Protein backbone atom coordinates (compact mmCIF):
# COMPACT_ATOMS: atom_id res chain seq x y z
CA MET A 1 -40.29 41.88 -105.36
CA SER A 2 -42.95 42.57 -102.75
CA HIS A 3 -46.05 44.62 -103.49
CA ASN A 4 -44.74 47.41 -101.27
CA ASP A 5 -41.39 47.53 -103.05
CA SER A 6 -42.80 47.53 -106.59
CA LEU A 7 -43.44 50.72 -108.50
CA HIS A 8 -46.92 52.27 -108.74
CA VAL A 9 -47.62 54.95 -111.35
CA ALA A 10 -50.66 57.22 -111.33
CA ILE A 11 -51.80 58.33 -114.79
CA ILE A 12 -54.02 61.40 -114.88
CA GLY A 13 -56.16 61.24 -118.02
CA ALA A 14 -57.57 58.37 -120.09
CA GLY A 15 -57.02 59.78 -123.56
CA ILE A 16 -54.64 58.50 -126.22
CA THR A 17 -51.45 59.31 -124.31
CA GLY A 18 -52.69 58.01 -120.97
CA VAL A 19 -54.08 54.77 -122.37
CA ASN A 20 -50.91 54.06 -124.36
CA LEU A 21 -48.78 54.69 -121.28
CA ALA A 22 -50.96 52.29 -119.31
CA LEU A 23 -50.55 49.60 -121.96
CA GLY A 24 -46.78 50.15 -122.03
CA LEU A 25 -46.51 49.90 -118.24
CA GLN A 26 -48.71 46.81 -118.22
CA ALA A 27 -46.45 45.12 -120.78
CA ARG A 28 -43.53 45.78 -118.40
CA ASN A 29 -45.40 44.45 -115.34
CA ILE A 30 -45.60 47.85 -113.66
CA ARG A 31 -48.59 48.67 -111.48
CA PHE A 32 -50.61 51.69 -112.57
CA THR A 33 -53.91 53.39 -111.96
CA ILE A 34 -55.64 55.73 -114.42
CA TYR A 35 -57.69 58.59 -113.01
CA GLU A 36 -60.05 60.21 -115.50
CA ARG A 37 -62.38 63.14 -114.81
CA ALA A 38 -64.95 62.00 -117.42
CA PRO A 39 -67.44 59.19 -116.70
CA GLY A 40 -65.83 56.89 -119.28
CA PHE A 41 -63.23 56.58 -122.00
CA ARG A 42 -63.86 59.54 -124.24
CA GLU A 43 -61.90 61.03 -127.14
CA ILE A 44 -62.97 64.37 -128.58
CA GLY A 45 -63.10 65.04 -132.30
CA ALA A 46 -63.96 62.82 -135.24
CA GLY A 47 -61.20 61.25 -137.31
CA ILE A 48 -57.50 60.84 -136.67
CA GLY A 49 -54.51 59.43 -138.55
CA PHE A 50 -51.31 58.02 -137.07
CA SER A 51 -47.96 58.75 -138.67
CA PRO A 52 -45.21 56.18 -139.33
CA ASN A 53 -43.25 57.18 -136.22
CA ALA A 54 -46.40 56.70 -134.13
CA GLU A 55 -46.75 53.16 -135.49
CA VAL A 56 -43.14 52.44 -134.52
CA ALA A 57 -43.84 53.74 -131.03
CA MET A 58 -46.94 51.54 -130.78
CA SER A 59 -44.98 48.44 -131.77
CA LEU A 60 -42.23 49.19 -129.23
CA LEU A 61 -44.77 49.83 -126.46
CA ASP A 62 -46.25 46.40 -127.14
CA PRO A 63 -47.11 44.67 -130.45
CA SER A 64 -50.73 44.41 -129.31
CA VAL A 65 -51.00 48.23 -129.33
CA LEU A 66 -50.18 48.40 -133.03
CA ALA A 67 -52.39 45.38 -133.77
CA ALA A 68 -55.35 47.12 -132.11
CA TYR A 69 -54.83 50.22 -134.26
CA LYS A 70 -54.69 48.15 -137.45
CA ARG A 71 -57.98 46.47 -136.54
CA VAL A 72 -59.85 49.77 -136.72
CA ALA A 73 -57.75 51.64 -139.30
CA ASN A 74 -59.40 52.51 -142.60
CA PRO A 75 -57.59 51.23 -145.73
CA ASN A 76 -55.98 53.96 -147.78
CA GLY A 77 -57.45 54.63 -151.17
CA GLU A 78 -53.99 55.79 -152.22
CA ASP A 79 -50.83 55.86 -150.10
CA TYR A 80 -50.27 59.58 -150.58
CA PHE A 81 -50.95 62.92 -149.02
CA GLN A 82 -52.28 65.08 -151.86
CA TRP A 83 -52.43 68.85 -151.59
CA MET A 84 -54.66 70.72 -154.03
CA HIS A 85 -54.76 74.36 -155.11
CA GLY A 86 -57.93 75.01 -153.17
CA PHE A 87 -58.47 78.65 -154.02
CA ALA A 88 -58.11 79.41 -157.71
CA SER A 89 -58.16 75.94 -159.26
CA ASP A 90 -58.69 72.28 -158.53
CA GLU A 91 -55.20 71.26 -159.63
CA LEU A 92 -52.73 69.08 -157.74
CA LEU A 93 -50.09 71.14 -155.97
CA PHE A 94 -47.97 68.34 -154.49
CA LYS A 95 -48.24 64.71 -153.40
CA LEU A 96 -46.16 62.91 -150.77
CA HIS A 97 -45.88 59.14 -150.43
CA VAL A 98 -46.70 57.99 -146.88
CA GLY A 99 -45.50 54.41 -147.26
CA LYS A 100 -47.46 51.24 -147.89
CA ASP A 101 -50.66 51.46 -145.81
CA GLY A 102 -49.15 54.46 -144.03
CA PHE A 103 -50.97 57.17 -142.08
CA GLN A 104 -54.30 55.36 -142.08
CA GLY A 105 -57.29 57.09 -140.54
CA CYS A 106 -59.87 55.94 -138.04
CA ARG A 107 -62.48 57.30 -135.65
CA ARG A 108 -60.84 58.67 -132.51
CA GLN A 109 -63.36 56.97 -130.27
CA ASP A 110 -62.97 53.63 -132.07
CA ILE A 111 -59.22 53.41 -131.51
CA LEU A 112 -59.45 54.60 -127.90
CA GLU A 113 -62.08 51.97 -127.11
CA GLU A 114 -60.05 49.27 -128.89
CA TRP A 115 -56.95 50.08 -126.84
CA ALA A 116 -58.99 50.33 -123.64
CA LYS A 117 -60.11 46.71 -124.01
CA GLY A 118 -56.60 45.70 -122.92
CA ILE A 119 -56.75 47.60 -119.62
CA PRO A 120 -58.24 45.93 -116.52
CA VAL A 121 -61.42 47.61 -115.31
CA SER A 122 -59.98 47.72 -111.79
CA ALA A 123 -57.08 49.90 -112.98
CA VAL A 124 -59.30 52.79 -114.16
CA HIS A 125 -61.16 55.21 -111.90
CA PHE A 126 -63.61 57.50 -113.70
CA ASN A 127 -65.18 60.72 -112.40
CA LYS A 128 -61.87 61.56 -110.70
CA ALA A 129 -60.71 65.13 -111.27
CA ILE A 130 -57.29 65.79 -109.79
CA ASP A 131 -57.10 68.73 -107.38
CA THR A 132 -53.65 68.65 -105.75
CA ILE A 133 -50.51 66.52 -105.66
CA SER A 134 -48.53 66.69 -102.43
CA PRO A 135 -45.11 65.36 -101.40
CA PRO A 136 -44.94 62.48 -98.93
CA PRO A 137 -46.12 63.60 -95.49
CA ASN A 138 -42.74 62.83 -93.93
CA SER A 139 -40.54 63.93 -96.87
CA ASN A 140 -38.82 66.50 -94.64
CA ASN A 141 -38.16 64.00 -91.90
CA SER A 142 -34.43 63.47 -91.48
CA ASN A 143 -35.09 59.81 -90.72
CA ASN A 144 -36.63 59.39 -94.19
CA SER A 145 -33.25 59.08 -95.89
CA ASN A 146 -34.45 56.82 -98.69
CA ASN A 147 -37.48 59.01 -99.52
CA THR A 148 -39.53 55.91 -100.24
CA ASP A 149 -42.90 57.37 -99.25
CA GLN A 150 -45.50 58.03 -101.88
CA LEU A 151 -46.98 61.18 -103.35
CA VAL A 152 -50.49 62.07 -102.15
CA LEU A 153 -53.13 62.75 -104.80
CA ARG A 154 -56.26 64.62 -103.76
CA PHE A 155 -59.30 64.70 -105.99
CA LYS A 156 -62.10 67.23 -106.17
CA ASP A 157 -64.56 64.73 -104.73
CA GLY A 158 -62.53 64.71 -101.49
CA THR A 159 -60.90 61.30 -101.97
CA THR A 160 -57.16 60.62 -101.95
CA ALA A 161 -54.73 58.14 -103.48
CA LEU A 162 -51.01 57.34 -103.30
CA ALA A 163 -48.44 56.81 -106.06
CA ASP A 164 -44.68 56.68 -106.57
CA ALA A 165 -44.92 58.74 -109.75
CA VAL A 166 -47.63 60.87 -111.32
CA ILE A 167 -47.90 61.40 -115.07
CA GLY A 168 -50.28 64.10 -116.24
CA ALA A 169 -51.75 63.03 -119.57
CA ASP A 170 -54.80 65.19 -119.02
CA GLY A 171 -54.83 67.10 -122.27
CA ILE A 172 -54.72 70.67 -123.41
CA ARG A 173 -56.45 72.00 -120.27
CA SER A 174 -54.21 69.96 -117.99
CA ARG A 175 -54.63 70.40 -114.26
CA VAL A 176 -51.28 68.68 -113.67
CA ARG A 177 -49.59 71.25 -115.88
CA GLN A 178 -51.18 73.96 -113.73
CA LEU A 179 -49.91 72.28 -110.57
CA LEU A 180 -46.38 72.28 -111.98
CA GLY A 181 -46.64 76.01 -112.64
CA LEU A 182 -46.26 75.61 -116.40
CA PRO A 183 -47.79 78.15 -118.82
CA PRO A 184 -51.16 77.43 -120.44
CA ALA A 185 -51.71 76.74 -124.11
CA ALA A 186 -52.60 79.85 -126.10
CA TYR A 187 -55.16 80.54 -128.82
CA THR A 188 -53.55 80.53 -132.28
CA ARG A 189 -56.28 82.66 -133.87
CA LYS A 190 -57.38 79.63 -135.84
CA PHE A 191 -60.45 77.51 -135.31
CA CYS A 192 -61.77 74.44 -137.04
CA PHE A 193 -64.95 72.60 -137.90
CA ARG A 194 -65.00 68.81 -137.64
CA ALA A 195 -67.68 66.63 -139.17
CA LEU A 196 -68.43 63.19 -140.55
CA ALA A 197 -70.38 63.04 -143.80
CA PRO A 198 -72.15 59.86 -144.96
CA MET A 199 -70.12 58.37 -147.78
CA ALA A 200 -73.03 58.36 -150.22
CA ALA A 201 -73.43 62.13 -149.77
CA ALA A 202 -69.66 62.64 -150.04
CA VAL A 203 -69.43 60.69 -153.29
CA ALA A 204 -72.39 62.59 -154.73
CA ALA A 205 -70.74 65.91 -153.88
CA LEU A 206 -67.08 65.15 -154.66
CA GLY A 207 -66.94 62.07 -156.84
CA ALA A 208 -65.70 58.60 -155.94
CA ARG A 209 -61.97 59.32 -156.09
CA LYS A 210 -62.04 62.51 -154.03
CA ALA A 211 -64.02 60.69 -151.35
CA SER A 212 -61.86 57.56 -151.37
CA THR A 213 -58.52 58.89 -150.11
CA ARG A 214 -56.86 61.79 -148.31
CA PHE A 215 -56.90 65.23 -149.92
CA MET A 216 -55.90 68.62 -148.53
CA TYR A 217 -57.00 71.92 -150.05
CA VAL A 218 -54.87 74.98 -149.29
CA GLY A 219 -55.29 78.69 -149.90
CA PRO A 220 -55.31 82.15 -148.30
CA GLY A 221 -56.20 82.04 -144.62
CA ALA A 222 -57.73 78.56 -144.53
CA HIS A 223 -57.42 74.91 -145.49
CA ALA A 224 -59.55 71.76 -145.58
CA ILE A 225 -58.71 68.06 -145.19
CA THR A 226 -60.85 65.06 -146.11
CA TYR A 227 -60.32 61.31 -145.77
CA PRO A 228 -62.53 58.23 -145.33
CA ILE A 229 -62.87 56.35 -142.03
CA GLY A 230 -65.17 53.77 -140.47
CA GLY A 231 -64.63 51.15 -143.15
CA ASN A 232 -65.27 53.79 -145.85
CA ALA A 233 -68.70 54.45 -144.37
CA VAL A 234 -68.09 58.15 -143.70
CA LEU A 235 -65.85 60.97 -144.91
CA ASN A 236 -63.96 62.79 -142.18
CA ILE A 237 -63.87 66.56 -142.76
CA LEU A 238 -61.58 69.04 -141.03
CA VAL A 239 -61.85 72.70 -142.01
CA VAL A 240 -59.39 75.19 -140.47
CA VAL A 241 -59.96 78.93 -140.81
CA SER A 242 -58.33 82.11 -139.54
CA ASP A 243 -60.40 83.83 -136.88
CA PRO A 244 -61.53 87.26 -138.09
CA ALA A 245 -62.19 88.29 -134.47
CA GLY A 246 -58.70 87.31 -133.33
CA ALA A 247 -59.85 86.33 -129.82
CA TRP A 248 -61.60 83.24 -128.50
CA PRO A 249 -64.90 84.05 -126.76
CA ASP A 250 -64.73 81.53 -123.92
CA GLY A 251 -61.73 81.27 -121.59
CA LYS A 252 -63.00 78.04 -120.01
CA ARG A 253 -63.93 76.02 -123.10
CA HIS A 254 -62.21 75.18 -126.35
CA THR A 255 -65.48 74.85 -128.22
CA ALA A 256 -68.12 77.42 -129.07
CA PRO A 257 -71.36 77.36 -131.07
CA GLY A 258 -70.70 77.67 -134.79
CA SER A 259 -72.40 77.26 -138.13
CA ARG A 260 -71.80 76.22 -141.69
CA ALA A 261 -72.40 79.86 -142.65
CA GLU A 262 -69.09 80.80 -140.98
CA ALA A 263 -67.22 78.24 -143.06
CA GLU A 264 -69.06 79.33 -146.19
CA ALA A 265 -67.93 82.89 -145.55
CA ALA A 266 -64.31 81.79 -145.19
CA PHE A 267 -64.38 79.73 -148.40
CA GLY A 268 -66.83 81.82 -150.43
CA GLU A 269 -64.32 82.69 -153.16
CA TRP A 270 -62.63 79.28 -153.31
CA GLN A 271 -63.04 76.76 -156.11
CA ASP A 272 -66.12 74.59 -156.39
CA THR A 273 -64.74 71.37 -154.85
CA VAL A 274 -63.94 73.11 -151.57
CA ARG A 275 -67.32 74.83 -151.47
CA ARG A 276 -68.97 71.44 -151.92
CA ILE A 277 -66.93 70.06 -149.02
CA VAL A 278 -68.18 72.93 -146.88
CA GLY A 279 -71.69 72.13 -148.05
CA LEU A 280 -71.37 68.70 -146.41
CA LEU A 281 -71.03 70.29 -142.97
CA PRO A 282 -74.14 70.41 -140.75
CA GLY A 283 -75.92 73.74 -140.53
CA GLU A 284 -75.22 74.15 -136.80
CA MET A 285 -72.19 72.65 -135.07
CA ASP A 286 -69.43 73.41 -132.61
CA LYS A 287 -66.30 75.14 -133.73
CA TRP A 288 -63.04 74.11 -132.07
CA ALA A 289 -60.34 76.56 -131.07
CA VAL A 290 -56.81 75.60 -132.12
CA PHE A 291 -54.56 76.10 -129.09
CA ASP A 292 -50.85 75.37 -128.88
CA MET A 293 -47.78 76.05 -126.73
CA ALA A 294 -45.62 77.61 -129.44
CA ALA A 295 -45.65 81.17 -128.12
CA GLU A 296 -44.96 80.29 -124.49
CA PRO A 297 -43.57 76.76 -124.21
CA ALA A 298 -43.05 74.93 -120.96
CA GLY A 299 -39.49 75.17 -119.70
CA GLY A 300 -39.56 71.46 -118.95
CA TYR A 301 -42.00 68.61 -118.44
CA VAL A 302 -40.95 67.34 -115.02
CA CYS A 303 -40.82 68.41 -111.39
CA GLY A 304 -39.49 65.72 -109.09
CA ARG A 305 -41.72 62.67 -109.40
CA VAL A 306 -44.45 64.44 -111.40
CA ALA A 307 -44.38 64.81 -115.18
CA VAL A 308 -46.65 65.84 -118.02
CA ALA A 309 -46.95 64.13 -121.40
CA GLY A 310 -48.84 64.52 -124.67
CA ASP A 311 -50.91 67.67 -125.07
CA ALA A 312 -50.47 68.44 -121.38
CA ALA A 313 -46.76 68.97 -122.11
CA HIS A 314 -46.59 70.21 -125.69
CA ALA A 315 -50.00 71.05 -127.14
CA MET A 316 -49.86 71.58 -130.89
CA GLY A 317 -52.27 72.18 -133.75
CA PRO A 318 -53.53 69.38 -136.03
CA HIS A 319 -51.76 70.64 -139.14
CA LEU A 320 -49.05 67.94 -139.35
CA GLY A 321 -51.13 65.18 -137.77
CA ALA A 322 -48.36 64.75 -135.19
CA GLY A 323 -49.91 65.51 -131.80
CA ALA A 324 -51.16 62.03 -130.96
CA GLY A 325 -47.95 60.48 -132.24
CA MET A 326 -45.89 62.70 -129.96
CA GLY A 327 -47.98 61.53 -127.01
CA ILE A 328 -47.43 57.88 -127.93
CA GLU A 329 -43.68 58.52 -128.23
CA ASP A 330 -43.80 60.10 -124.75
CA ALA A 331 -45.62 57.01 -123.46
CA LEU A 332 -42.92 54.74 -124.87
CA VAL A 333 -40.03 56.59 -123.25
CA LEU A 334 -41.89 56.85 -119.94
CA ALA A 335 -42.75 53.13 -119.97
CA GLU A 336 -39.14 52.21 -120.71
CA VAL A 337 -37.57 54.35 -117.99
CA MET A 338 -40.18 53.20 -115.48
CA GLY A 339 -39.42 49.64 -116.51
CA ALA A 340 -35.75 50.30 -115.76
CA VAL A 341 -36.67 51.68 -112.33
CA GLN A 342 -38.70 48.55 -111.61
CA LYS A 343 -35.74 46.40 -112.58
CA LYS A 344 -33.35 48.38 -110.38
CA LEU A 345 -35.73 48.06 -107.44
CA GLY A 346 -35.80 44.31 -107.92
CA GLU A 347 -32.02 44.11 -108.07
CA SER A 348 -31.58 46.21 -104.93
CA GLY A 349 -34.36 44.54 -102.98
CA GLY A 350 -36.40 47.73 -102.77
CA GLY A 351 -35.31 50.99 -101.23
CA ALA A 352 -34.80 54.36 -102.84
CA LYS A 353 -37.79 54.56 -105.13
CA GLY A 354 -38.05 58.34 -104.96
CA PRO A 355 -34.56 59.18 -106.30
CA LEU A 356 -34.83 56.47 -108.95
CA VAL A 357 -38.17 57.83 -110.19
CA GLU A 358 -36.80 61.37 -110.24
CA ALA A 359 -33.80 60.25 -112.28
CA ALA A 360 -36.06 58.35 -114.68
CA LEU A 361 -38.32 61.34 -115.27
CA ALA A 362 -35.30 63.62 -115.71
CA ALA A 363 -34.09 61.28 -118.47
CA TYR A 364 -37.55 61.38 -120.07
CA ASN A 365 -37.50 65.17 -120.02
CA GLU A 366 -34.00 65.34 -121.48
CA LEU A 367 -34.79 63.04 -124.39
CA ARG A 368 -38.28 64.33 -125.20
CA TYR A 369 -38.11 68.09 -124.75
CA GLY A 370 -36.19 69.14 -127.86
CA ARG A 371 -38.00 66.72 -130.15
CA THR A 372 -41.49 67.77 -129.10
CA GLN A 373 -40.77 71.50 -129.00
CA ASP A 374 -39.44 71.31 -132.55
CA VAL A 375 -42.65 69.64 -133.72
CA VAL A 376 -44.79 72.30 -131.98
CA GLN A 377 -42.97 75.05 -133.90
CA SER A 378 -42.94 73.12 -137.18
CA THR A 379 -46.70 72.59 -136.91
CA ARG A 380 -47.19 76.36 -136.65
CA GLY A 381 -45.02 76.77 -139.76
CA ALA A 382 -47.03 74.17 -141.65
CA CYS A 383 -50.24 76.10 -140.98
CA ASP A 384 -48.58 79.25 -142.37
CA LEU A 385 -47.64 77.23 -145.45
CA PHE A 386 -51.18 75.93 -145.92
CA HIS A 387 -52.66 79.40 -145.40
CA TRP A 388 -50.45 81.11 -147.96
CA VAL A 389 -48.74 83.45 -145.52
CA ASP A 390 -45.96 83.53 -148.11
CA PRO A 391 -47.80 83.09 -151.46
CA GLU A 392 -44.60 82.55 -153.44
CA LEU A 393 -43.63 79.63 -151.20
CA SER A 394 -47.10 78.18 -150.75
CA GLY A 395 -48.35 78.40 -154.32
CA ASN A 396 -45.30 76.95 -156.04
CA SER A 397 -45.25 73.18 -156.36
CA GLU A 398 -41.49 72.85 -156.03
CA SER A 399 -41.06 75.12 -153.02
CA PHE A 400 -44.20 73.82 -151.29
CA GLY A 401 -43.11 70.23 -151.82
CA ARG A 402 -39.61 70.84 -150.55
CA ASP A 403 -40.86 72.57 -147.40
CA ILE A 404 -43.63 70.15 -146.45
CA THR A 405 -41.53 67.06 -147.25
CA ALA A 406 -38.78 68.25 -144.92
CA ARG A 407 -41.29 68.87 -142.14
CA PHE A 408 -42.88 65.44 -142.39
CA ASN A 409 -39.62 63.56 -142.86
CA LYS A 410 -38.16 65.10 -139.72
CA ILE A 411 -41.14 63.77 -137.78
CA TRP A 412 -41.40 60.38 -139.45
CA GLU A 413 -37.71 59.47 -139.78
CA TYR A 414 -36.87 59.35 -136.11
CA ASP A 415 -34.74 56.81 -134.26
CA LEU A 416 -37.05 55.89 -131.40
CA GLU A 417 -35.04 52.85 -130.41
CA GLY A 418 -31.94 55.05 -130.19
CA VAL A 419 -33.81 57.57 -128.04
CA VAL A 420 -34.94 54.85 -125.65
CA LYS A 421 -31.37 53.56 -125.34
CA ALA A 422 -30.12 57.09 -124.65
CA ALA A 423 -32.76 57.61 -121.95
CA LEU A 424 -31.86 54.33 -120.27
CA ALA A 425 -28.16 55.16 -120.46
CA GLN A 426 -28.79 58.53 -118.83
CA LEU A 427 -30.78 56.86 -116.07
CA ASP A 428 -27.97 54.34 -115.49
CA ALA A 429 -25.38 57.12 -115.31
CA ALA A 430 -27.48 59.13 -112.87
CA THR A 431 -28.04 56.17 -110.54
CA ALA A 432 -24.64 54.46 -110.75
């Protein structure tokens, strides 16, 4: 296949979804270019954990993707999620087995940098903020029957680029989503504090066991999560609270100045362990708004040869630890259908790239939409569970365990290989 006949995919955004898509395309010998508005690979936040389904997606993208994650993942102290009565007592509410070495945590920046090592420097353009995406200049020309011309990308610095497909993996404030006319993510009236505490300080405050593995503390209007990362050097802390103001102060940013005093006010009547966790937070720090697309979801993720993926498509809160995994699943399906397009182009000797790409992205949308929208809504429900919206459900070990187990199992026990086969079958049927 000649260079002109081969597929070229533009990826907008160099976060977890964009980088995984790039690695998946690279493994399938598909040309790509990443355009990132930041000056380098950058992942916001502190710690992150990847669920079992995300690990499956990594392995199917390319075994090296999963191997990179395992190189930076922190060993589990215990292979369980453990929820504690955070408000009135320090007793175990429920524990859920995550599998042997399952759902390991790491620093967000560490895993992004580890994955990025596998991407050629020439394939990434930093300081490139997308402005517009236009159809081929001669797309309305009746002589252009094969519609093989490329999309035109214009950036805010005045430069342009061409691509056969554009995938917006540009996060919760996605410009590509705006260009597709999709609704923005909305404030959930929850915000969080994220911090890393030195392990020595964490052990002194919480004891060795509480600092050695993942614990979640739930109660009225708030919850807290802790787990070790960085080779057990630091304790990752995530504290989520209900916003007493009910409105986010800055429409252009998802962070705002905050303080430990705000967290102390939210947890002032909670049991001592949680108050000691809050005491590990720095005195002054940013607070992060929790946005999602539950209230006004996108009607679809694709328009022609342009698609959105990850948070740009289906932003969700952190409460089930599923957002990054959904983006990696998206990357897998996109890589597979683009791989099928590449193969079809080789078999036909080039030609109708445009219709093939459109059919591929339509298959991606069909197979990913229901799955991801369900997880967005389930994540909202999990936050209600953690925040005791229904005290009888949330405070009872049996009912809490039944509810949260069902939510996680639906995410984790997912036939990704079957989904890929279904997407490829749909593509074949559409292009027969």
